[in-house]
Amino acid sequence: TVLDNGALMTSFLQWSGIPVYYLGIGRGFGALCGLVGTFAFPTIQEATKSVYTAGLISLILFLVILFPTLWSSPVCLVFIVSFSRIGLW
């Protein structure tokens, strides 16, 4: 998808005039958030005792964090999308 800091989003953000170092920092932050999500999901699953409920909580977390991108600048988009990845892992 376009929300993965991949080639499509990187091209759009470069076209929007975002400096490359912001994109690099955003990718690093996204990798860190992915690691956090990797450890957060089992913790949520253990607390709820249900894979379904943990998945639902993760999805809601993803959408709540991603919601501010509707009104943000492209620079904020990089970091909000990266932070929202916690809910997807």
N, C-alpha and C. Protein backbone atom coordinates (compact mmCIF):
# COMPACT_ATOMS: atom_id res chain seq x y z
N THR A 1 0.84 -1.18 0.00
CA THR A 1 0.00 0.00 0.00
C THR A 1 0.88 1.24 0.00
N VAL A 2 0.26 2.38 -0.11
CA VAL A 2 1.02 3.63 -0.08
C VAL A 2 1.41 4.02 1.34
N LEU A 3 0.91 3.32 2.32
CA LEU A 3 1.21 3.66 3.71
C LEU A 3 2.35 2.85 4.29
N ASP A 4 3.32 2.50 3.49
CA ASP A 4 4.40 1.66 4.01
C ASP A 4 5.78 2.30 3.87
N ASN A 5 5.85 3.57 3.55
CA ASN A 5 7.13 4.26 3.34
C ASN A 5 7.94 3.58 2.25
N GLY A 6 7.27 2.99 1.29
CA GLY A 6 7.93 2.33 0.17
C GLY A 6 8.21 3.30 -0.96
N ALA A 7 8.40 2.75 -2.14
CA ALA A 7 8.82 3.53 -3.30
C ALA A 7 7.76 4.56 -3.71
N LEU A 8 6.49 4.18 -3.70
CA LEU A 8 5.44 5.10 -4.12
C LEU A 8 5.34 6.30 -3.18
N MET A 9 5.33 6.04 -1.90
CA MET A 9 5.24 7.15 -0.94
C MET A 9 6.51 8.00 -0.96
N THR A 10 7.66 7.35 -1.07
CA THR A 10 8.93 8.09 -1.13
C THR A 10 8.96 9.01 -2.35
N SER A 11 8.51 8.51 -3.48
CA SER A 11 8.47 9.33 -4.70
C SER A 11 7.54 10.52 -4.53
N PHE A 12 6.37 10.28 -3.95
CA PHE A 12 5.43 11.38 -3.71
C PHE A 12 6.03 12.43 -2.79
N LEU A 13 6.66 11.99 -1.71
CA LEU A 13 7.21 12.92 -0.74
C LEU A 13 8.40 13.70 -1.32
N GLN A 14 9.22 13.05 -2.13
CA GLN A 14 10.31 13.77 -2.79
C GLN A 14 9.75 14.78 -3.77
N TRP A 15 8.71 14.40 -4.50
CA TRP A 15 8.05 15.31 -5.43
C TRP A 15 7.45 16.50 -4.68
N SER A 16 6.99 16.26 -3.44
CA SER A 16 6.42 17.33 -2.62
C SER A 16 7.47 18.27 -2.05
N GLY A 17 8.76 17.92 -2.23
CA GLY A 17 9.83 18.79 -1.76
C GLY A 17 10.39 18.44 -0.39
N ILE A 18 10.09 17.26 0.11
CA ILE A 18 10.60 16.84 1.41
C ILE A 18 12.07 16.47 1.26
N PRO A 19 12.94 17.01 2.11
CA PRO A 19 14.36 16.65 2.04
C PRO A 19 14.57 15.16 2.29
N VAL A 20 15.56 14.62 1.63
CA VAL A 20 15.83 13.18 1.70
C VAL A 20 16.18 12.75 3.13
N TYR A 21 16.83 13.61 3.91
CA TYR A 21 17.19 13.20 5.27
C TYR A 21 15.95 12.98 6.14
N TYR A 22 14.85 13.72 5.89
CA TYR A 22 13.61 13.45 6.62
C TYR A 22 13.06 12.07 6.26
N LEU A 23 13.18 11.74 4.99
CA LEU A 23 12.71 10.42 4.56
C LEU A 23 13.53 9.30 5.19
N GLY A 24 14.83 9.51 5.28
CA GLY A 24 15.70 8.52 5.92
C GLY A 24 15.40 8.36 7.40
N ILE A 25 15.21 9.48 8.07
CA ILE A 25 14.86 9.44 9.50
C ILE A 25 13.50 8.76 9.68
N GLY A 26 12.57 9.06 8.78
CA GLY A 26 11.25 8.45 8.85
C GLY A 26 11.30 6.95 8.65
N ARG A 27 12.15 6.49 7.73
CA ARG A 27 12.28 5.03 7.53
C ARG A 27 12.90 4.36 8.75
N GLY A 28 13.89 5.00 9.34
CA GLY A 28 14.49 4.45 10.56
C GLY A 28 13.49 4.40 11.70
N PHE A 29 12.70 5.46 11.83
CA PHE A 29 11.67 5.51 12.85
C PHE A 29 10.62 4.44 12.60
N GLY A 30 10.29 4.22 11.33
CA GLY A 30 9.33 3.17 10.97
C GLY A 30 9.83 1.79 11.34
N ALA A 31 11.14 1.56 11.14
CA ALA A 31 11.72 0.26 11.52
C ALA A 31 11.65 0.07 13.04
N LEU A 32 11.94 1.13 13.77
CA LEU A 32 11.85 1.06 15.24
C LEU A 32 10.42 0.80 15.69
N CYS A 33 9.46 1.47 15.06
CA CYS A 33 8.06 1.24 15.41
C CYS A 33 7.63 -0.17 15.07
N GLY A 34 8.16 -0.73 14.00
CA GLY A 34 7.87 -2.12 13.66
C GLY A 34 8.35 -3.07 14.73
N LEU A 35 9.53 -2.79 15.27
CA LEU A 35 10.04 -3.62 16.37
C LEU A 35 9.19 -3.49 17.62
N VAL A 36 8.77 -2.27 17.91
CA VAL A 36 7.91 -2.05 19.08
C VAL A 36 6.60 -2.82 18.91
N GLY A 37 6.03 -2.75 17.70
CA GLY A 37 4.79 -3.46 17.43
C GLY A 37 4.94 -4.96 17.53
N THR A 38 6.12 -5.47 17.15
CA THR A 38 6.38 -6.90 17.24
C THR A 38 6.28 -7.39 18.68
N PHE A 39 6.71 -6.58 19.61
CA PHE A 39 6.64 -6.96 21.02
C PHE A 39 5.32 -6.53 21.67
N ALA A 40 4.66 -5.52 21.11
CA ALA A 40 3.41 -5.04 21.71
C ALA A 40 2.26 -6.00 21.46
N PHE A 41 2.18 -6.58 20.26
CA PHE A 41 1.04 -7.44 19.95
C PHE A 41 0.94 -8.64 20.88
N PRO A 42 2.02 -9.40 21.11
CA PRO A 42 1.89 -10.52 22.05
C PRO A 42 1.49 -10.08 23.46
N THR A 43 1.94 -8.89 23.85
CA THR A 43 1.57 -8.37 25.16
C THR A 43 0.07 -8.08 25.21
N ILE A 44 -0.45 -7.46 24.15
CA ILE A 44 -1.89 -7.18 24.07
C ILE A 44 -2.67 -8.49 24.04
N GLN A 45 -2.18 -9.45 23.26
CA GLN A 45 -2.86 -10.74 23.15
C GLN A 45 -2.90 -11.46 24.50
N GLU A 46 -1.81 -11.40 25.23
CA GLU A 46 -1.77 -12.03 26.55
C GLU A 46 -2.73 -11.34 27.52
N ALA A 47 -2.82 -10.01 27.42
CA ALA A 47 -3.69 -9.27 28.33
C ALA A 47 -5.17 -9.51 28.03
N THR A 48 -5.51 -9.68 26.75
CA THR A 48 -6.91 -9.86 26.38
C THR A 48 -7.32 -11.33 26.30
N LYS A 49 -6.34 -12.23 26.26
CA LYS A 49 -6.60 -13.68 26.16
C LYS A 49 -7.32 -14.07 24.87
N SER A 50 -7.21 -13.21 23.83
CA SER A 50 -7.90 -13.49 22.58
C SER A 50 -7.13 -12.87 21.42
N VAL A 51 -6.88 -13.67 20.39
CA VAL A 51 -6.20 -13.15 19.21
C VAL A 51 -7.11 -12.16 18.48
N TYR A 52 -8.41 -12.46 18.43
CA TYR A 52 -9.37 -11.59 17.76
C TYR A 52 -9.41 -10.21 18.42
N THR A 53 -9.51 -10.18 19.73
CA THR A 53 -9.57 -8.90 20.45
C THR A 53 -8.26 -8.14 20.32
N ALA A 54 -7.15 -8.84 20.39
CA ALA A 54 -5.85 -8.17 20.22
C ALA A 54 -5.72 -7.59 18.82
N GLY A 55 -6.20 -8.32 17.82
CA GLY A 55 -6.18 -7.81 16.45
C GLY A 55 -7.07 -6.59 16.29
N LEU A 56 -8.23 -6.61 16.91
CA LEU A 56 -9.14 -5.48 16.85
C LEU A 56 -8.53 -4.25 17.53
N ILE A 57 -7.90 -4.45 18.67
CA ILE A 57 -7.24 -3.34 19.37
C ILE A 57 -6.11 -2.78 18.52
N SER A 58 -5.35 -3.66 17.88
CA SER A 58 -4.25 -3.21 17.02
C SER A 58 -4.77 -2.40 15.84
N LEU A 59 -5.87 -2.85 15.24
CA LEU A 59 -6.46 -2.13 14.11
C LEU A 59 -6.97 -0.76 14.54
N ILE A 60 -7.62 -0.70 15.68
CA ILE A 60 -8.11 0.59 16.19
C ILE A 60 -6.94 1.52 16.50
N LEU A 61 -5.88 0.98 17.10
CA LEU A 61 -4.68 1.77 17.37
C LEU A 61 -4.10 2.34 16.07
N PHE A 62 -4.02 1.51 15.04
CA PHE A 62 -3.52 1.94 13.74
C PHE A 62 -4.36 3.10 13.20
N LEU A 63 -5.66 2.97 13.21
CA LEU A 63 -6.54 4.00 12.64
C LEU A 63 -6.53 5.29 13.46
N VAL A 64 -6.49 5.17 14.77
CA VAL A 64 -6.47 6.37 15.63
C VAL A 64 -5.18 7.16 15.43
N ILE A 65 -4.06 6.46 15.33
CA ILE A 65 -2.79 7.15 15.12
C ILE A 65 -2.72 7.75 13.72
N LEU A 66 -3.29 7.06 12.74
CA LEU A 66 -3.22 7.51 11.35
C LEU A 66 -4.18 8.66 11.05
N PHE A 67 -5.23 8.82 11.83
CA PHE A 67 -6.27 9.82 11.58
C PHE A 67 -5.74 11.24 11.40
N PRO A 68 -4.76 11.71 12.19
CA PRO A 68 -4.28 13.09 12.01
C PRO A 68 -3.62 13.39 10.66
N THR A 69 -3.29 12.37 9.88
CA THR A 69 -2.67 12.64 8.57
C THR A 69 -3.62 13.35 7.62
N LEU A 70 -4.91 13.35 7.93
CA LEU A 70 -5.86 14.05 7.08
C LEU A 70 -5.61 15.55 7.06
N TRP A 71 -4.99 16.08 8.14
CA TRP A 71 -4.77 17.51 8.24
C TRP A 71 -3.30 17.89 8.41
N SER A 72 -2.40 16.99 8.11
CA SER A 72 -1.00 17.27 8.40
C SER A 72 -0.21 17.58 7.13
N SER A 73 0.99 18.07 7.35
CA SER A 73 1.91 18.36 6.25
C SER A 73 2.59 17.06 5.81
N PRO A 74 3.22 17.06 4.64
CA PRO A 74 3.92 15.85 4.19
C PRO A 74 5.02 15.39 5.14
N VAL A 75 5.70 16.31 5.83
CA VAL A 75 6.74 15.90 6.78
C VAL A 75 6.10 15.13 7.95
N CYS A 76 4.99 15.63 8.45
CA CYS A 76 4.30 14.93 9.53
C CYS A 76 3.76 13.59 9.04
N LEU A 77 3.38 13.54 7.78
CA LEU A 77 2.87 12.30 7.20
C LEU A 77 3.88 11.17 7.34
N VAL A 78 5.15 11.48 7.10
CA VAL A 78 6.21 10.46 7.20
C VAL A 78 6.24 9.86 8.60
N PHE A 79 6.21 10.70 9.61
CA PHE A 79 6.35 10.22 10.98
C PHE A 79 5.07 9.61 11.53
N ILE A 80 3.92 10.17 11.16
CA ILE A 80 2.66 9.61 11.64
C ILE A 80 2.43 8.22 11.03
N VAL A 81 2.71 8.08 9.75
CA VAL A 81 2.55 6.78 9.12
C VAL A 81 3.52 5.77 9.74
N SER A 82 4.75 6.20 9.99
CA SER A 82 5.72 5.31 10.62
C SER A 82 5.25 4.89 12.02
N PHE A 83 4.74 5.84 12.79
CA PHE A 83 4.28 5.55 14.14
C PHE A 83 3.05 4.64 14.13
N SER A 84 2.20 4.82 13.12
CA SER A 84 0.99 4.00 13.05
C SER A 84 1.29 2.53 12.78
N ARG A 85 2.51 2.25 12.29
CA ARG A 85 2.88 0.87 12.00
C ARG A 85 2.91 -0.01 13.24
N ILE A 86 2.98 0.60 14.41
CA ILE A 86 2.94 -0.18 15.65
C ILE A 86 1.66 -1.02 15.69
N GLY A 87 0.55 -0.44 15.25
CA GLY A 87 -0.71 -1.16 15.28
C GLY A 87 -0.84 -2.25 14.24
N LEU A 88 0.05 -2.29 13.26
CA LEU A 88 -0.05 -3.30 12.21
C LEU A 88 0.78 -4.52 12.47
N TRP A 89 1.69 -4.49 13.38
CA TRP A 89 2.56 -5.64 13.61
C TRP A 89 1.96 -6.42 14.70
